[in-house]
Amino acid sequence: MTDTTTQSGPASIAAFAARVRAELNDLPAEEVDELVDGLEADLADQAADAGEGFALPDAVAYAAELRAAAGLEPRAPRRRGGRGAALLERWRARARSEWERAMQVPLVASAAAFVASLRPVWWLLRGWVFFAIFGAFLGTAHSVVGAPANIGAWIVLLALIVASVQWGRGLWLQRRWLRVTRSAVTAITAVALPFVLVDFMNSLERAAYSVSTTYYEASTPGLAVDGVRVRNIFAYDAQGNPLDGVQLFDQNGSPLNTVGQEDSVAASDSYFNCGGGPVTVPLTVAGRGGLWNVYPLNEVPAEDACVDPANAQGLAAPAPRPYDSVAPIGQAATEPSAGPSPSPSGEPSAEPSVGPNAGPAGEPSPSAGPTEAPSAAPSATTGDS
């Protein structure tokens, strides 16, 4: 073997090992690993023993000796074609020369060694990205890109990862079409990897947002209906008349309040405070504190944007009812009365008089005589008087 350099540092040894691997790149990766396994460590030991007199051998001749020792055929001579093949060969030689020069830099050699150690990670990524690309067509994709949706999808993903790892180790490549397939899959994976990673991160963000939104709606404090917070409760009796001071309890006998157990001792409903609308306050009873289950609750008007709990009772007033009355139970539902409407003239309408001869509702009693209709006003005449 011919000596090519007198440098024997770690960077030179790493560059030499890379050149040897390049000369063996026509072999499966697993065979290459077996042939050069421990090469750098052996050369480092030889350099330490020989000192300054150690010289690295020629990489091409060393690779040929490794082939011969393993009983392998010599490397087939590279086909020589026209001008294009010559240009390609020169480009390869120049790239190899530049790579060897770069490997003389310790930092570059260390970085190359680190990247080479990450090959198993790439094998796993290749199988996962390939699954993510074709998972949608096979019906194996989930809400998160590349996440199996069922046991069948997990089997497909694991099969692709196993195949990718075996290809990386130089196995399962007995036929040429398998090697071509590996090269095609590797190229597709390298191009698609950035896009798949972006879609993966976006789908994770959407999934996290969906979970947080669901949690927020489910964790609305106090009493809520379909995720909408209940501020107050108004009760009406069987005849449709409004009720005051109604005490409500749940099926366990606990007071039914709108603010939740944690805020049941608060002086005001903090959920609606500072811009959320009118703020309800509990009924205060001496010796019992605030009662949140007696309805309807008094409210602090919405114009008071922020309510100081210490002054909440002083600002509170009876809450306006949604309806003055509702249809009695058992009677056909009608539009609930929303209170007396003003007369067209803007003046309050006259109340029916109640006198000795009036009925319960202010109507004349049956004993009262019929009322006389007012006399018709004389019609206007036309012509000269």
Protein backbone atom coordinates (compact mmCIF):
# COMPACT_ATOMS: atom_id res chain seq x y z
CA MET A 1 0.00 0.00 0.00
CA THR A 2 1.24 3.47 -0.83
CA ASP A 3 1.61 6.17 1.76
CA THR A 4 -0.33 9.27 0.88
CA THR A 5 0.09 11.53 3.88
CA THR A 6 2.10 11.83 7.04
CA GLN A 7 -0.76 13.38 9.01
CA SER A 8 -2.15 11.05 11.62
CA GLY A 9 -4.53 13.24 13.64
CA PRO A 10 -8.18 12.33 14.28
CA ALA A 11 -9.37 14.53 11.40
CA SER A 12 -7.00 12.84 8.94
CA ILE A 13 -8.04 9.38 10.12
CA ALA A 14 -11.74 10.28 9.78
CA ALA A 15 -11.12 11.61 6.26
CA PHE A 16 -9.28 8.42 5.35
CA ALA A 17 -12.14 6.26 6.63
CA ALA A 18 -14.61 8.34 4.59
CA ARG A 19 -12.53 7.77 1.42
CA VAL A 20 -12.44 4.03 2.08
CA ARG A 21 -16.21 3.98 2.48
CA ALA A 22 -16.55 5.88 -0.81
CA GLU A 23 -14.52 3.19 -2.56
CA LEU A 24 -16.85 0.54 -1.13
CA ASN A 25 -20.13 2.34 -1.86
CA ASP A 26 -21.12 -0.21 -4.50
CA LEU A 27 -21.61 -2.77 -1.70
CA PRO A 28 -24.61 -3.00 0.64
CA ALA A 29 -24.32 -0.71 3.65
CA GLU A 30 -24.23 -3.64 6.06
CA GLU A 31 -21.18 -5.16 4.29
CA VAL A 32 -19.45 -1.79 4.27
CA ASP A 33 -20.02 -1.48 8.01
CA GLU A 34 -18.56 -4.93 8.58
CA LEU A 35 -15.49 -4.21 6.48
CA VAL A 36 -14.60 -0.87 8.05
CA ASP A 37 -15.87 -1.60 11.54
CA GLY A 38 -13.26 -0.35 14.02
CA LEU A 39 -11.05 1.10 11.26
CA GLU A 40 -10.68 4.52 12.83
CA ALA A 41 -9.98 3.08 16.28
CA ASP A 42 -7.30 0.71 14.88
CA LEU A 43 -5.63 3.50 12.95
CA ALA A 44 -5.69 5.76 16.02
CA ASP A 45 -3.96 3.05 18.07
CA GLN A 46 -1.34 2.53 15.34
CA ALA A 47 -0.71 6.26 15.15
CA ALA A 48 -0.26 6.45 18.92
CA ASP A 49 2.23 3.55 18.87
CA ALA A 50 4.22 4.75 15.84
CA GLY A 51 4.31 8.40 16.78
CA GLU A 52 5.39 10.91 14.15
CA GLY A 53 6.56 8.18 11.78
CA PHE A 54 3.02 6.91 11.19
CA ALA A 55 1.59 7.47 7.70
CA LEU A 56 -1.87 6.68 6.40
CA PRO A 57 -2.09 4.26 3.45
CA ASP A 58 -3.74 4.90 0.10
CA ALA A 59 -7.51 4.71 0.50
CA VAL A 60 -8.15 3.08 -2.89
CA ALA A 61 -5.57 0.34 -2.37
CA TYR A 62 -6.72 -0.20 1.21
CA ALA A 63 -10.33 -0.65 0.08
CA ALA A 64 -9.19 -3.15 -2.58
CA GLU A 65 -7.32 -5.15 0.06
CA LEU A 66 -10.42 -5.19 2.26
CA ARG A 67 -12.42 -6.62 -0.65
CA ALA A 68 -9.83 -9.27 -1.30
CA ALA A 69 -9.60 -10.25 2.37
CA ALA A 70 -13.39 -10.64 2.51
CA GLY A 71 -13.43 -12.75 -0.67
CA LEU A 72 -15.35 -10.14 -2.66
CA GLU A 73 -14.96 -9.36 -6.31
CA PRO A 74 -12.93 -6.27 -7.21
CA ARG A 75 -14.87 -3.15 -7.86
CA ALA A 76 -16.28 -3.17 -11.38
CA PRO A 77 -14.61 -0.60 -13.59
CA ARG A 78 -16.69 2.50 -14.03
CA ARG A 79 -18.34 2.76 -17.37
CA ARG A 80 -16.92 5.37 -19.59
CA GLY A 81 -19.34 7.07 -21.90
CA GLY A 82 -19.27 10.23 -23.91
CA ARG A 83 -18.52 13.77 -22.86
CA GLY A 84 -21.33 13.77 -20.30
CA ALA A 85 -19.88 10.76 -18.50
CA ALA A 86 -16.44 12.35 -18.48
CA LEU A 87 -17.83 15.57 -17.03
CA LEU A 88 -19.71 13.63 -14.39
CA GLU A 89 -16.56 11.70 -13.45
CA ARG A 90 -14.57 14.92 -13.16
CA TRP A 91 -17.31 16.42 -11.03
CA ARG A 92 -17.25 13.43 -8.74
CA ALA A 93 -13.47 13.57 -8.47
CA ARG A 94 -13.59 17.27 -7.66
CA ALA A 95 -16.36 16.78 -5.10
CA ARG A 96 -14.38 13.95 -3.50
CA SER A 97 -11.28 16.14 -3.37
CA GLU A 98 -13.19 19.01 -1.77
CA TRP A 99 -14.78 16.64 0.72
CA GLU A 100 -11.39 15.22 1.69
CA ARG A 101 -10.05 18.73 2.12
CA ALA A 102 -13.02 19.70 4.29
CA MET A 103 -12.55 16.59 6.39
CA GLN A 104 -9.09 17.85 7.31
CA VAL A 105 -10.80 20.48 9.46
CA PRO A 106 -11.44 18.97 12.91
CA LEU A 107 -14.78 20.75 13.34
CA VAL A 108 -16.07 19.50 9.97
CA ALA A 109 -14.84 15.97 10.67
CA SER A 110 -16.57 15.97 14.06
CA ALA A 111 -19.80 17.28 12.54
CA ALA A 112 -19.68 14.62 9.80
CA ALA A 113 -19.14 11.91 12.39
CA PHE A 114 -22.08 13.23 14.42
CA VAL A 115 -24.37 13.27 11.37
CA ALA A 116 -23.29 9.75 10.48
CA SER A 117 -24.28 8.60 13.96
CA LEU A 118 -27.81 9.88 13.32
CA ARG A 119 -28.45 7.48 10.46
CA PRO A 120 -30.77 5.27 12.56
CA VAL A 121 -32.92 8.35 13.25
CA TRP A 122 -33.18 8.95 9.52
CA TRP A 123 -34.24 5.35 8.96
CA LEU A 124 -37.11 5.82 11.42
CA LEU A 125 -38.10 9.16 9.88
CA ARG A 126 -38.11 7.66 6.41
CA GLY A 127 -40.65 5.01 7.43
CA TRP A 128 -42.84 7.52 9.32
CA VAL A 129 -42.84 10.15 6.54
CA PHE A 130 -43.67 7.54 3.93
CA PHE A 131 -46.60 6.44 6.11
CA ALA A 132 -47.75 10.07 6.53
CA ILE A 133 -47.64 10.70 2.77
CA PHE A 134 -49.70 7.69 1.76
CA GLY A 135 -51.67 7.27 4.98
CA ALA A 136 -54.49 9.50 3.77
CA PHE A 137 -54.93 7.41 0.62
CA LEU A 138 -54.96 4.20 2.65
CA GLY A 139 -57.39 5.58 5.23
CA THR A 140 -54.83 5.33 8.01
CA ALA A 141 -54.40 9.01 8.80
CA HIS A 142 -55.79 10.59 11.94
CA SER A 143 -56.49 14.18 13.01
CA VAL A 144 -52.75 14.50 13.67
CA VAL A 145 -50.68 13.94 10.52
CA GLY A 146 -48.78 10.67 10.66
CA ALA A 147 -50.66 9.36 13.70
CA PRO A 148 -52.22 5.90 13.22
CA ALA A 149 -55.98 5.84 13.75
CA ASN A 150 -56.43 2.13 14.47
CA ILE A 151 -54.59 -1.15 14.94
CA GLY A 152 -54.37 -1.71 11.19
CA ALA A 153 -52.68 1.66 10.74
CA TRP A 154 -50.19 0.81 13.49
CA ILE A 155 -49.31 -2.42 11.69
CA VAL A 156 -48.72 -0.54 8.42
CA LEU A 157 -46.56 2.06 10.17
CA LEU A 158 -44.45 -0.55 11.96
CA ALA A 159 -44.00 -2.53 8.70
CA LEU A 160 -42.75 0.57 6.88
CA ILE A 161 -40.35 1.44 9.70
CA VAL A 162 -38.96 -2.11 9.80
CA ALA A 163 -38.44 -2.08 6.03
CA SER A 164 -36.71 1.32 6.22
CA VAL A 165 -34.38 0.16 9.00
CA GLN A 166 -33.52 -3.05 7.15
CA TRP A 167 -32.76 -1.07 3.99
CA GLY A 168 -30.53 1.23 6.01
CA ARG A 169 -28.65 -1.80 7.30
CA GLY A 170 -28.17 -3.09 3.76
CA LEU A 171 -30.69 -5.92 4.13
CA TRP A 172 -33.71 -6.88 2.02
CA LEU A 173 -31.93 -5.54 -1.08
CA GLN A 174 -31.17 -8.80 -2.88
CA ARG A 175 -32.78 -7.63 -6.11
CA ARG A 176 -32.10 -4.56 -8.15
CA TRP A 177 -35.69 -3.32 -8.08
CA LEU A 178 -35.54 -3.25 -4.28
CA ARG A 179 -32.46 -1.02 -4.38
CA VAL A 180 -34.18 1.22 -6.89
CA THR A 181 -37.24 1.36 -4.63
CA ARG A 182 -35.09 2.30 -1.66
CA SER A 183 -33.48 5.13 -3.60
CA ALA A 184 -36.86 6.41 -4.80
CA VAL A 185 -38.38 6.26 -1.31
CA THR A 186 -35.34 8.04 0.14
CA ALA A 187 -35.59 10.83 -2.43
CA ILE A 188 -39.34 11.27 -1.89
CA THR A 189 -38.86 11.32 1.88
CA ALA A 190 -36.11 13.94 1.69
CA VAL A 191 -38.32 16.24 -0.40
CA ALA A 192 -41.51 15.68 1.61
CA LEU A 193 -39.99 15.79 5.11
CA PRO A 194 -40.21 19.61 5.60
CA PHE A 195 -43.83 19.71 4.41
CA VAL A 196 -44.85 16.73 6.54
CA LEU A 197 -43.22 18.28 9.61
CA VAL A 198 -45.06 21.59 9.03
CA ASP A 199 -48.39 19.78 8.63
CA PHE A 200 -47.60 17.72 11.73
CA MET A 201 -46.95 20.82 13.85
CA ASN A 202 -50.10 22.55 12.52
CA SER A 203 -52.24 19.50 13.27
CA LEU A 204 -50.77 19.32 16.77
CA GLU A 205 -51.64 22.99 17.27
CA ARG A 206 -55.22 22.43 16.05
CA ALA A 207 -55.61 19.38 18.30
CA ALA A 208 -54.28 21.30 21.30
CA TYR A 209 -56.64 24.22 20.57
CA SER A 210 -59.58 21.85 20.27
CA VAL A 211 -58.74 20.23 23.61
CA SER A 212 -58.28 23.59 25.33
CA THR A 213 -61.55 24.94 23.88
CA THR A 214 -63.48 21.88 25.01
CA TYR A 215 -61.94 22.12 28.47
CA TYR A 216 -62.81 25.82 28.71
CA GLU A 217 -66.43 25.21 27.79
CA ALA A 218 -66.69 22.26 30.17
CA SER A 219 -65.12 24.26 33.01
CA THR A 220 -67.50 27.26 32.88
CA PRO A 221 -68.07 28.08 36.55
CA GLY A 222 -71.51 27.99 38.06
CA LEU A 223 -74.76 27.02 36.35
CA ALA A 224 -74.64 26.82 32.55
CA VAL A 225 -76.99 25.57 29.82
CA ASP A 226 -75.30 24.39 26.59
CA GLY A 227 -72.14 26.23 27.63
CA VAL A 228 -73.97 29.54 28.26
CA ARG A 229 -73.76 30.86 31.81
CA VAL A 230 -77.07 31.36 33.65
CA ARG A 231 -77.23 34.70 35.48
CA ASN A 232 -80.65 34.60 37.17
CA ILE A 233 -83.76 32.41 37.49
CA PHE A 234 -87.40 33.59 37.40
CA ALA A 235 -90.27 31.42 38.61
CA TYR A 236 -94.01 31.55 37.83
CA ASP A 237 -96.86 29.64 39.51
CA ALA A 238 -99.42 27.36 37.85
CA GLN A 239 -101.59 30.34 36.94
CA GLY A 240 -98.63 32.08 35.26
CA ASN A 241 -98.13 34.67 38.01
CA PRO A 242 -94.56 35.64 39.00
CA LEU A 243 -93.14 34.34 42.27
CA ASP A 244 -90.63 35.94 44.60
CA GLY A 245 -88.41 34.32 47.21
CA VAL A 246 -88.41 30.86 45.59
CA GLN A 247 -85.86 28.51 47.22
CA LEU A 248 -84.38 25.89 44.90
CA PHE A 249 -82.48 22.71 45.77
CA ASP A 250 -80.95 19.96 43.66
CA GLN A 251 -81.66 16.21 43.84
CA ASN A 252 -79.21 15.86 46.75
CA GLY A 253 -80.80 18.60 48.80
CA SER A 254 -77.99 21.05 48.17
CA PRO A 255 -78.86 24.69 47.46
CA LEU A 256 -79.07 25.26 43.71
CA ASN A 257 -77.11 28.38 42.89
CA THR A 258 -75.85 29.94 39.68
CA VAL A 259 -72.31 30.78 40.85
CA GLY A 260 -70.96 27.34 41.79
CA GLN A 261 -69.87 25.99 45.14
CA GLU A 262 -66.55 27.84 45.21
CA ASP A 263 -68.22 31.27 44.86
CA SER A 264 -71.25 30.49 47.00
CA VAL A 265 -69.81 32.63 49.82
CA ALA A 266 -69.02 35.59 47.53
CA ALA A 267 -70.84 38.90 47.86
CA SER A 268 -71.45 39.17 44.09
CA ASP A 269 -71.23 37.10 40.91
CA SER A 270 -67.67 37.78 39.72
CA TYR A 271 -68.28 36.00 36.39
CA PHE A 272 -70.32 38.94 35.05
CA ASN A 273 -68.36 41.66 36.85
CA CYS A 274 -66.53 44.37 34.88
CA GLY A 275 -68.38 44.32 31.58
CA GLY A 276 -70.23 41.03 31.61
CA GLY A 277 -73.67 42.56 32.14
CA PRO A 278 -75.72 42.99 35.33
CA VAL A 279 -74.07 41.47 38.40
CA THR A 280 -76.26 39.38 40.68
CA VAL A 281 -75.97 39.45 44.48
CA PRO A 282 -77.32 36.95 47.01
CA LEU A 283 -80.15 37.51 49.46
CA THR A 284 -78.59 38.52 52.78
CA VAL A 285 -80.18 37.19 55.95
CA ALA A 286 -78.91 37.95 59.43
CA GLY A 287 -77.19 34.93 60.89
CA ARG A 288 -77.22 32.97 57.61
CA GLY A 289 -75.05 35.09 55.31
CA GLY A 290 -75.77 35.33 51.61
CA LEU A 291 -78.35 32.97 50.13
CA TRP A 292 -77.66 32.25 46.45
CA ASN A 293 -80.57 29.83 45.96
CA VAL A 294 -83.42 32.30 46.58
CA TYR A 295 -84.75 33.57 43.27
CA PRO A 296 -84.98 35.92 41.55
CA LEU A 297 -81.68 37.40 42.71
CA ASN A 298 -81.20 41.13 42.97
CA GLU A 299 -78.87 42.64 40.38
CA VAL A 300 -76.49 45.56 40.13
CA PRO A 301 -77.28 47.41 36.86
CA ALA A 302 -74.95 46.88 33.92
CA GLU A 303 -73.97 50.56 33.79
CA ASP A 304 -71.84 49.96 36.87
CA ALA A 305 -69.01 48.37 34.88
CA CYS A 306 -67.07 47.05 37.86
CA VAL A 307 -68.76 46.30 41.14
CA ASP A 308 -66.93 46.40 44.45
CA PRO A 309 -68.20 43.37 46.40
CA ALA A 310 -68.30 45.51 49.54
CA ASN A 311 -70.80 47.90 47.90
CA ALA A 312 -72.72 45.31 45.86
CA GLN A 313 -75.71 45.13 48.23
CA GLY A 314 -76.06 48.90 48.28
CA LEU A 315 -76.21 49.11 44.49
CA ALA A 316 -78.44 46.09 43.93
CA ALA A 317 -82.08 46.37 42.89
CA PRO A 318 -84.79 43.85 41.92
CA ALA A 319 -83.99 42.27 38.58
CA PRO A 320 -86.38 43.03 35.72
CA ARG A 321 -88.46 40.00 34.81
CA PRO A 322 -88.44 38.68 31.27
CA TYR A 323 -92.29 38.49 31.41
CA ASP A 324 -94.86 39.99 33.73
CA SER A 325 -96.87 36.79 33.40
CA VAL A 326 -96.94 33.61 31.38
CA ALA A 327 -99.67 31.29 30.15
CA PRO A 328 -101.24 29.19 32.92
CA ILE A 329 -100.41 25.51 32.94
CA GLY A 330 -103.05 23.55 31.00
CA GLN A 331 -103.92 26.47 28.79
CA ALA A 332 -102.78 26.80 25.22
CA ALA A 333 -99.50 28.62 25.13
CA THR A 334 -99.78 32.25 24.09
CA GLU A 335 -97.26 34.99 23.74
CA PRO A 336 -96.20 35.86 27.30
CA SER A 337 -97.10 39.28 28.51
CA ALA A 338 -94.10 41.54 28.63
CA GLY A 339 -95.77 44.18 30.76
CA PRO A 340 -98.23 46.99 30.03
CA SER A 341 -97.48 48.79 26.81
CA PRO A 342 -97.77 52.57 26.70
CA SER A 343 -100.75 54.14 24.99
CA PRO A 344 -100.23 55.86 21.64
CA SER A 345 -100.57 59.27 23.23
CA GLY A 346 -97.82 58.49 25.72
CA GLU A 347 -100.22 58.76 28.67
CA PRO A 348 -101.00 55.79 30.91
CA SER A 349 -104.17 53.97 30.06
CA ALA A 350 -107.12 54.40 32.39
CA GLU A 351 -107.55 51.74 35.06
CA PRO A 352 -111.04 50.18 35.38
CA SER A 353 -112.96 51.69 38.29
CA VAL A 354 -113.92 49.44 41.13
CA GLY A 355 -117.04 50.37 43.00
CA PRO A 356 -119.78 48.75 45.00
CA ASN A 357 -121.40 47.42 41.86
CA ALA A 358 -118.18 46.21 40.30
CA GLY A 359 -117.23 42.55 39.88
CA PRO A 360 -114.00 40.94 40.95
CA ALA A 361 -112.14 42.14 37.91
CA GLY A 362 -113.56 45.66 37.96
CA GLU A 363 -116.40 44.79 35.54
CA PRO A 364 -120.04 45.78 36.25
CA SER A 365 -121.95 43.23 38.26
CA PRO A 366 -124.99 41.49 36.77
CA SER A 367 -127.29 43.54 39.01
CA ALA A 368 -126.21 46.72 37.47
CA GLY A 369 -128.44 48.04 34.77
CA PRO A 370 -127.32 48.18 31.21
CA THR A 371 -125.34 51.17 30.38
CA GLU A 372 -126.73 53.57 27.94
CA ALA A 373 -124.91 54.02 24.74
CA PRO A 374 -123.88 57.58 24.14
CA SER A 375 -126.13 59.40 21.75
CA ALA A 376 -124.81 59.69 18.28
CA ALA A 377 -123.46 63.06 17.44
CA PRO A 378 -125.58 64.95 14.93
CA SER A 379 -124.34 64.39 11.45
CA ALA A 380 -123.01 67.30 9.63
CA THR A 381 -125.37 68.64 6.91
CA THR A 382 -124.37 70.16 3.71
CA GLY A 383 -125.92 73.11 2.07
CA ASP A 384 -127.08 76.56 3.27
CA SER A 385 -128.89 76.80 6.64
